[in-house]
Amino acid sequence: MSQQYPDTLTLKDEIVTAFRPIEQLFKIMDKSSPESSGELIRAYGEIGLELCRNFRRRLDTILNTQEQEMDDDCQ
């Protein structure tokens, strides 16, 4: 593998680590009881978790494409 490959993994780890508190907030909101905090909070949590999943999929796509391009350039 190229020298840049670990840098891509490091970049992904740093982005995911920075994003994790937001994801945790949405998880807490999603687990909130409708009786104590209302249905609206739970709905926000569900929306947030879906946005988190989309973010992670998009990040994987971007970094995998970048990795492929670096591999192609090395050949």
N, C-alpha and C. Protein backbone atom coordinates (compact mmCIF):
# COMPACT_ATOMS: atom_id res chain seq x y z
N MET A 1 0.84 -1.19 0.00
CA MET A 1 0.00 0.00 0.00
C MET A 1 0.88 1.25 0.00
N SER A 2 0.31 2.32 -0.41
CA SER A 2 1.07 3.57 -0.47
C SER A 2 1.20 4.19 0.92
N GLN A 3 2.11 5.12 1.01
CA GLN A 3 2.34 5.84 2.28
C GLN A 3 1.11 6.66 2.67
N GLN A 4 0.30 7.07 1.70
CA GLN A 4 -0.86 7.90 1.98
C GLN A 4 -2.03 7.11 2.56
N TYR A 5 -2.03 5.79 2.40
CA TYR A 5 -3.14 4.97 2.88
C TYR A 5 -3.39 5.13 4.38
N PRO A 6 -2.37 5.02 5.24
CA PRO A 6 -2.63 5.23 6.68
C PRO A 6 -3.14 6.63 6.97
N ASP A 7 -2.73 7.61 6.20
CA ASP A 7 -3.21 8.98 6.40
C ASP A 7 -4.72 9.06 6.18
N THR A 8 -5.23 8.31 5.22
CA THR A 8 -6.66 8.29 4.97
C THR A 8 -7.39 7.69 6.16
N LEU A 9 -6.87 6.60 6.70
CA LEU A 9 -7.48 5.98 7.87
C LEU A 9 -7.42 6.91 9.08
N THR A 10 -6.31 7.58 9.24
CA THR A 10 -6.16 8.53 10.34
C THR A 10 -7.16 9.67 10.20
N LEU A 11 -7.29 10.17 8.98
CA LEU A 11 -8.25 11.25 8.72
C LEU A 11 -9.66 10.80 9.06
N LYS A 12 -10.04 9.61 8.62
CA LYS A 12 -11.38 9.10 8.92
C LYS A 12 -11.58 8.98 10.42
N ASP A 13 -10.61 8.42 11.14
CA ASP A 13 -10.72 8.28 12.59
C ASP A 13 -10.88 9.63 13.28
N GLU A 14 -10.13 10.62 12.83
CA GLU A 14 -10.22 11.95 13.42
C GLU A 14 -11.59 12.58 13.17
N ILE A 15 -12.11 12.42 11.99
CA ILE A 15 -13.43 12.98 11.67
C ILE A 15 -14.51 12.30 12.49
N VAL A 16 -14.47 10.97 12.54
CA VAL A 16 -15.48 10.22 13.29
C VAL A 16 -15.39 10.55 14.78
N THR A 17 -14.18 10.67 15.31
CA THR A 17 -14.00 11.02 16.72
C THR A 17 -14.57 12.40 17.02
N ALA A 18 -14.34 13.34 16.13
CA ALA A 18 -14.87 14.70 16.33
C ALA A 18 -16.40 14.71 16.23
N PHE A 19 -16.96 13.82 15.44
CA PHE A 19 -18.39 13.75 15.21
C PHE A 19 -19.13 12.97 16.30
N ARG A 20 -18.42 12.10 17.02
CA ARG A 20 -19.04 11.20 17.98
C ARG A 20 -19.92 11.88 19.03
N PRO A 21 -19.54 13.01 19.63
CA PRO A 21 -20.44 13.64 20.62
C PRO A 21 -21.80 14.01 20.05
N ILE A 22 -21.84 14.44 18.81
CA ILE A 22 -23.12 14.77 18.18
C ILE A 22 -23.95 13.50 18.03
N GLU A 23 -23.31 12.44 17.59
CA GLU A 23 -24.01 11.17 17.43
C GLU A 23 -24.54 10.66 18.77
N GLN A 24 -23.75 10.81 19.83
CA GLN A 24 -24.19 10.38 21.16
C GLN A 24 -25.40 11.18 21.63
N LEU A 25 -25.41 12.46 21.34
CA LEU A 25 -26.55 13.30 21.69
C LEU A 25 -27.82 12.78 21.02
N PHE A 26 -27.72 12.45 19.75
CA PHE A 26 -28.88 11.93 19.04
C PHE A 26 -29.32 10.58 19.59
N LYS A 27 -28.37 9.76 20.00
CA LYS A 27 -28.72 8.46 20.61
C LYS A 27 -29.50 8.67 21.91
N ILE A 28 -29.05 9.62 22.71
CA ILE A 28 -29.75 9.93 23.96
C ILE A 28 -31.15 10.44 23.67
N MET A 29 -31.25 11.34 22.70
CA MET A 29 -32.55 11.89 22.34
C MET A 29 -33.49 10.79 21.85
N ASP A 30 -32.95 9.85 21.07
CA ASP A 30 -33.77 8.76 20.52
C ASP A 30 -34.27 7.83 21.63
N LYS A 31 -33.49 7.67 22.68
CA LYS A 31 -33.87 6.77 23.78
C LYS A 31 -34.75 7.46 24.83
N SER A 32 -34.96 8.75 24.68
CA SER A 32 -35.77 9.49 25.64
C SER A 32 -37.20 8.95 25.65
N SER A 33 -37.77 8.93 26.82
CA SER A 33 -39.13 8.46 26.99
C SER A 33 -40.11 9.53 26.54
N PRO A 34 -41.06 9.17 25.70
CA PRO A 34 -42.06 10.16 25.26
C PRO A 34 -42.86 10.73 26.43
N GLU A 35 -43.03 9.94 27.49
CA GLU A 35 -43.79 10.42 28.64
C GLU A 35 -43.05 11.53 29.39
N SER A 36 -41.73 11.41 29.48
CA SER A 36 -40.98 12.39 30.27
C SER A 36 -40.48 13.57 29.44
N SER A 37 -40.17 13.34 28.17
CA SER A 37 -39.58 14.43 27.39
C SER A 37 -40.34 14.78 26.13
N GLY A 38 -41.39 14.07 25.88
CA GLY A 38 -42.20 14.40 24.71
C GLY A 38 -41.76 13.67 23.46
N GLU A 39 -42.69 13.52 22.57
CA GLU A 39 -42.44 12.81 21.32
C GLU A 39 -41.52 13.59 20.39
N LEU A 40 -41.53 14.91 20.51
CA LEU A 40 -40.72 15.75 19.64
C LEU A 40 -39.23 15.45 19.81
N ILE A 41 -38.77 15.30 21.05
CA ILE A 41 -37.36 15.01 21.31
C ILE A 41 -36.97 13.69 20.65
N ARG A 42 -37.83 12.70 20.80
CA ARG A 42 -37.55 11.40 20.20
C ARG A 42 -37.49 11.51 18.67
N ALA A 43 -38.38 12.27 18.09
CA ALA A 43 -38.37 12.46 16.64
C ALA A 43 -37.07 13.13 16.20
N TYR A 44 -36.61 14.13 16.95
CA TYR A 44 -35.32 14.76 16.64
C TYR A 44 -34.20 13.74 16.69
N GLY A 45 -34.26 12.86 17.69
CA GLY A 45 -33.24 11.82 17.82
C GLY A 45 -33.23 10.90 16.62
N GLU A 46 -34.40 10.47 16.18
CA GLU A 46 -34.48 9.59 15.01
C GLU A 46 -33.92 10.27 13.76
N ILE A 47 -34.27 11.52 13.59
CA ILE A 47 -33.76 12.29 12.44
C ILE A 47 -32.24 12.41 12.54
N GLY A 48 -31.75 12.73 13.72
CA GLY A 48 -30.31 12.87 13.92
C GLY A 48 -29.56 11.59 13.66
N LEU A 49 -30.10 10.47 14.12
CA LEU A 49 -29.43 9.18 13.88
C LEU A 49 -29.38 8.85 12.40
N GLU A 50 -30.43 9.16 11.68
CA GLU A 50 -30.41 8.92 10.24
C GLU A 50 -29.38 9.82 9.56
N LEU A 51 -29.29 11.07 10.00
CA LEU A 51 -28.26 11.96 9.46
C LEU A 51 -26.86 11.43 9.76
N CYS A 52 -26.67 10.87 10.95
CA CYS A 52 -25.38 10.28 11.32
C CYS A 52 -25.05 9.10 10.41
N ARG A 53 -26.02 8.24 10.17
CA ARG A 53 -25.79 7.09 9.28
C ARG A 53 -25.44 7.58 7.87
N ASN A 54 -26.16 8.57 7.38
CA ASN A 54 -25.86 9.13 6.05
C ASN A 54 -24.46 9.73 6.01
N PHE A 55 -24.08 10.43 7.08
CA PHE A 55 -22.76 11.04 7.17
C PHE A 55 -21.67 9.97 7.09
N ARG A 56 -21.84 8.90 7.87
CA ARG A 56 -20.84 7.82 7.88
C ARG A 56 -20.75 7.13 6.52
N ARG A 57 -21.89 6.88 5.88
CA ARG A 57 -21.86 6.26 4.54
C ARG A 57 -21.16 7.17 3.54
N ARG A 58 -21.48 8.45 3.60
CA ARG A 58 -20.87 9.41 2.67
C ARG A 58 -19.37 9.53 2.91
N LEU A 59 -18.97 9.55 4.17
CA LEU A 59 -17.55 9.62 4.52
C LEU A 59 -16.82 8.39 3.97
N ASP A 60 -17.40 7.21 4.16
CA ASP A 60 -16.80 5.99 3.62
C ASP A 60 -16.67 6.06 2.11
N THR A 61 -17.71 6.55 1.44
CA THR A 61 -17.67 6.66 -0.02
C THR A 61 -16.57 7.61 -0.47
N ILE A 62 -16.49 8.76 0.16
CA ILE A 62 -15.47 9.75 -0.21
C ILE A 62 -14.07 9.21 0.01
N LEU A 63 -13.84 8.62 1.18
CA LEU A 63 -12.49 8.14 1.49
C LEU A 63 -12.13 6.91 0.66
N ASN A 64 -13.10 6.04 0.38
CA ASN A 64 -12.81 4.88 -0.48
C ASN A 64 -12.49 5.32 -1.90
N THR A 65 -13.19 6.32 -2.41
CA THR A 65 -12.91 6.86 -3.74
C THR A 65 -11.53 7.47 -3.77
N GLN A 66 -11.20 8.22 -2.72
CA GLN A 66 -9.88 8.84 -2.65
C GLN A 66 -8.79 7.77 -2.61
N GLU A 67 -9.01 6.71 -1.85
CA GLU A 67 -8.07 5.61 -1.75
C GLU A 67 -7.88 4.95 -3.11
N GLN A 68 -8.97 4.71 -3.82
CA GLN A 68 -8.91 4.10 -5.15
C GLN A 68 -8.09 4.96 -6.11
N GLU A 69 -8.31 6.26 -6.06
CA GLU A 69 -7.56 7.18 -6.93
C GLU A 69 -6.09 7.16 -6.60
N MET A 70 -5.75 7.10 -5.31
CA MET A 70 -4.33 7.05 -4.93
C MET A 70 -3.71 5.74 -5.37
N ASP A 71 -4.45 4.64 -5.24
CA ASP A 71 -3.94 3.35 -5.70
C ASP A 71 -3.72 3.34 -7.20
N ASP A 72 -4.67 3.92 -7.94
CA ASP A 72 -4.55 3.98 -9.41
C ASP A 72 -3.34 4.83 -9.81
N ASP A 73 -3.08 5.91 -9.08
CA ASP A 73 -1.96 6.78 -9.39
C ASP A 73 -0.62 6.08 -9.14
N CYS A 74 -0.59 5.17 -8.20
CA CYS A 74 0.64 4.47 -7.84
C CYS A 74 0.97 3.36 -8.84
N GLN A 75 0.01 2.95 -9.65
CA GLN A 75 0.26 1.84 -10.59
C GLN A 75 0.80 2.30 -11.87
